């Protein structure tokens, strides 16, 4: 069993230094992400067979890698896939499957529980699931609504990320001001911006 504490601390330190993370959904965006100031690259869609070399390339650029397990072609959201991602040297795993968060942590990776808030009725059940999961970080989607719903969220005792529909510097600043530790965005214009 790997120790997750150094991984979680390093992830949060990198996030504090550079709160905007590159969210990529295709190989075409990787070059721009690697050339940018972001410290963490979120791979939201990928082919499982090409993931290892992609992770290696991102690490060579001295960036951390978070992979959305639920959206990797060829992998199923289960413990075997979590072990496979650990062997691929992924730094963090994103999933909406809360029951996998402990397995992610046991493998020494940062566990990011994705909380999709598309209806008010999902708020209570989603937050309860996040609390039970023991994740290191919670990613709220769509992130652009965080300033409007932050007061409705119970205190989760973990850092929040905001992802989805964040396209401008003002939107990024608003979610950070609402309590997010970081922003995940596919908007390349934000990858090199100073959000202070």
Protein backbone atom coordinates (compact mmCIF):
# COMPACT_ATOMS: atom_id res chain seq x y z
CA UNK A 1 0.00 0.00 0.00
CA UNK A 2 1.36 3.38 -1.01
CA UNK A 3 1.19 6.41 1.24
CA UNK A 4 -1.32 8.96 -0.03
CA UNK A 5 -0.41 11.81 2.35
CA UNK A 6 2.59 13.10 0.36
CA UNK A 7 0.55 12.81 -2.85
CA UNK A 8 -2.38 14.79 -1.43
CA UNK A 9 -0.08 17.44 0.08
CA UNK A 10 1.86 17.87 -3.17
CA UNK A 11 -1.35 18.05 -5.20
CA UNK A 12 -2.77 20.76 -2.93
CA UNK A 13 0.54 22.68 -2.92
CA UNK A 14 0.62 22.68 -6.71
CA UNK A 15 -3.03 23.73 -6.79
CA UNK A 16 -2.34 26.60 -4.37
CA UNK A 17 0.52 27.83 -6.56
CA UNK A 18 -1.48 27.49 -9.78
CA UNK A 19 -5.24 27.21 -9.14
CA UNK A 20 -6.19 26.88 -12.81
CA UNK A 21 -5.92 23.32 -14.14
CA UNK A 22 -6.02 22.29 -17.79
CA UNK A 23 -8.94 19.97 -18.56
CA UNK A 24 -8.29 18.14 -21.80
CA UNK A 25 -10.66 15.94 -23.73
CA UNK A 26 -8.51 15.21 -26.76
CA UNK A 27 -4.89 14.70 -27.71
CA UNK A 28 -5.00 17.94 -29.67
CA UNK A 29 -5.07 19.98 -26.45
CA UNK A 30 -2.09 18.28 -24.81
CA UNK A 31 0.58 20.42 -26.48
CA UNK A 32 -1.13 23.62 -25.35
CA UNK A 33 -1.55 22.25 -21.81
CA UNK A 34 2.11 21.24 -21.59
CA UNK A 35 3.26 24.65 -22.86
CA UNK A 36 1.02 26.48 -20.39
CA UNK A 37 1.60 27.59 -16.79
CA UNK A 38 -0.81 25.03 -15.32
CA UNK A 39 0.69 22.66 -12.76
CA UNK A 40 -1.97 19.97 -13.11
CA UNK A 41 -3.49 18.42 -16.23
CA UNK A 42 -6.89 16.75 -15.97
CA UNK A 43 -7.43 14.09 -18.62
CA UNK A 44 -11.18 13.88 -18.99
CA UNK A 45 -11.33 11.52 -21.96
CA UNK A 46 -8.68 9.10 -23.17
CA UNK A 47 -7.97 5.79 -24.80
CA UNK A 48 -6.71 3.45 -22.09
CA UNK A 49 -4.07 2.02 -24.44
CA UNK A 50 -2.43 5.41 -24.98
CA UNK A 51 -2.76 6.64 -21.41
CA UNK A 52 0.64 5.41 -20.11
CA UNK A 53 2.73 7.32 -22.66
CA UNK A 54 0.51 10.40 -22.19
CA UNK A 55 1.03 10.35 -18.41
CA UNK A 56 4.76 9.94 -18.93
CA UNK A 57 4.83 12.92 -21.31
CA UNK A 58 2.95 15.11 -18.81
CA UNK A 59 5.31 14.10 -16.00
CA UNK A 60 8.31 14.96 -18.19
CA UNK A 61 6.85 18.48 -18.36
CA UNK A 62 6.90 18.46 -14.53
CA UNK A 63 3.11 18.57 -14.22
CA UNK A 64 0.78 16.34 -12.24
CA UNK A 65 -1.86 14.20 -13.93
CA UNK A 66 -5.45 13.58 -12.86
CA UNK A 67 -7.46 11.06 -14.89
CA UNK A 68 -11.24 10.74 -15.02
CA UNK A 69 -11.60 6.98 -14.57
CA UNK A 70 -15.24 6.91 -15.66
CA UNK A 71 -14.35 8.29 -19.09
CA UNK A 72 -11.27 6.26 -20.07
CA UNK A 73 -12.06 4.01 -23.03
CA UNK A 74 -11.23 0.40 -22.28
CA UNK A 75 -11.42 0.73 -18.48
CA UNK A 76 -14.32 0.00 -16.21
CA UNK A 77 -14.82 2.02 -13.02
CA UNK A 78 -13.64 -0.68 -10.62
CA UNK A 79 -10.72 -1.54 -8.32
CA UNK A 80 -8.76 -3.30 -11.07
CA UNK A 81 -8.85 -0.10 -13.15
CA UNK A 82 -7.70 1.89 -10.12
CA UNK A 83 -4.68 -0.43 -9.78
CA UNK A 84 -4.01 -0.09 -13.51
CA UNK A 85 -4.01 3.72 -13.23
CA UNK A 86 -1.62 3.52 -10.27
CA UNK A 87 0.78 1.40 -12.37
CA UNK A 88 0.49 4.03 -15.12
CA UNK A 89 1.77 6.53 -12.50
CA UNK A 90 -1.35 8.69 -12.47
CA UNK A 91 -1.26 11.21 -9.60
CA UNK A 92 -5.01 11.61 -9.03
CA UNK A 93 -8.18 9.81 -10.05
CA UNK A 94 -11.50 11.53 -10.67
CA UNK A 95 -14.71 9.51 -10.43
CA UNK A 96 -18.35 9.89 -9.58
CA UNK A 97 -18.15 6.41 -7.99
CA UNK A 98 -17.63 7.20 -4.33
CA UNK A 99 -17.04 3.57 -3.40
CA UNK A 100 -13.72 3.73 -5.31
CA UNK A 101 -12.23 6.66 -3.36
CA UNK A 102 -10.64 4.46 -0.66
CA UNK A 103 -9.15 2.16 -3.31
CA UNK A 104 -7.65 5.19 -5.07
CA UNK A 105 -6.12 6.35 -1.80
CA UNK A 106 -4.76 2.88 -0.96
CA UNK A 107 -2.89 2.98 -4.26
CA UNK A 108 -1.22 6.25 -3.23
CA UNK A 109 -3.20 8.53 -5.54
CA UNK A 110 -5.33 11.55 -4.75
CA UNK A 111 -9.05 10.71 -4.77
CA UNK A 112 -11.29 13.30 -6.42
CA UNK A 113 -15.03 12.69 -6.09
CA UNK A 114 -17.00 14.38 -8.85
CA UNK A 115 -20.27 15.90 -7.67
CA UNK A 116 -22.69 16.68 -10.48
CA UNK A 117 -25.26 19.28 -9.42
CA UNK A 118 -27.77 19.41 -12.23
CA UNK A 119 -30.85 19.61 -9.99
CA UNK A 120 -31.45 21.01 -6.53
CA UNK A 121 -32.85 17.63 -5.48
CA UNK A 122 -29.40 16.05 -6.03
CA UNK A 123 -27.69 18.39 -3.61
CA UNK A 124 -28.47 16.53 -0.39
CA UNK A 125 -27.96 12.99 -1.71
CA UNK A 126 -24.82 13.99 -3.61
CA UNK A 127 -23.26 15.68 -0.59
CA UNK A 128 -24.10 12.68 1.60
CA UNK A 129 -22.38 10.37 -0.91
CA UNK A 130 -19.33 12.64 -0.98
CA UNK A 131 -19.16 12.66 2.83
CA UNK A 132 -19.26 8.86 2.93
CA UNK A 133 -16.64 8.44 0.22
CA UNK A 134 -13.74 9.95 2.16
CA UNK A 135 -12.37 11.65 -0.96
CA UNK A 136 -9.41 14.01 -0.71
CA UNK A 137 -11.04 16.60 -2.99
CA UNK A 138 -14.54 17.21 -4.36
CA UNK A 139 -15.01 18.57 -7.87
CA UNK A 140 -18.32 20.41 -8.30
CA UNK A 141 -19.89 20.42 -11.75
CA UNK A 142 -20.95 22.61 -13.36
CA UNK A 143 -18.36 24.75 -11.62
CA UNK A 144 -19.78 28.00 -12.89
CA UNK A 145 -22.71 27.62 -10.47
CA UNK A 146 -20.52 27.37 -7.36
CA UNK A 147 -20.91 31.06 -6.42
CA UNK A 148 -24.70 30.59 -6.50
CA UNK A 149 -24.88 27.25 -4.63
CA UNK A 150 -21.94 27.51 -2.23
CA UNK A 151 -24.17 28.69 0.62
CA UNK A 152 -26.40 25.63 0.07
CA UNK A 153 -23.54 23.14 0.34
CA UNK A 154 -22.89 21.60 3.74
CA UNK A 155 -19.34 21.88 5.03
CA UNK A 156 -17.61 18.91 3.40
CA UNK A 157 -14.23 19.11 5.20
CA UNK A 158 -12.35 18.69 1.91
CA UNK A 159 -11.10 21.17 -0.69
CA UNK A 160 -13.40 21.95 -3.61
CA UNK A 161 -12.59 22.19 -7.28
CA UNK A 162 -14.96 23.84 -9.73
CA UNK A 163 -15.15 22.42 -13.25
CA UNK A 164 -17.36 23.03 -16.22
CA UNK A 165 -18.57 26.16 -18.00
CA UNK A 166 -15.81 28.36 -16.55
CA UNK A 167 -14.61 30.32 -19.55
CA UNK A 168 -13.50 33.75 -18.36
CA UNK A 169 -11.11 35.16 -15.81
CA UNK A 170 -14.04 36.75 -13.95
CA UNK A 171 -15.84 33.40 -13.72
CA UNK A 172 -12.66 31.73 -12.46
CA UNK A 173 -12.14 34.44 -9.86
CA UNK A 174 -15.79 34.14 -8.76
CA UNK A 175 -15.54 30.40 -8.07
CA UNK A 176 -12.26 30.86 -6.21
CA UNK A 177 -13.86 33.62 -4.13
CA UNK A 178 -16.77 31.24 -3.41
CA UNK A 179 -14.37 28.80 -1.78
CA UNK A 180 -12.96 26.64 -4.55
CA UNK A 181 -9.29 25.72 -4.16
CA UNK A 182 -8.98 25.47 -7.92
CA UNK A 183 -10.63 25.53 -11.30
CA UNK A 184 -10.58 22.84 -13.99
CA UNK A 185 -11.22 24.29 -17.42
CA UNK A 186 -10.81 23.46 -21.07
CA UNK A 187 -10.61 27.19 -21.87
CA UNK A 188 -7.04 27.59 -23.04
CA UNK A 189 -7.21 31.34 -22.50
CA UNK A 190 -7.32 30.70 -18.73
CA UNK A 191 -4.38 28.30 -18.62
CA UNK A 192 -1.80 31.10 -18.66
CA UNK A 193 -3.71 33.76 -16.75
CA UNK A 194 -2.76 35.01 -13.34
CA UNK A 195 -5.96 34.65 -11.31
CA UNK A 196 -4.78 36.72 -8.32
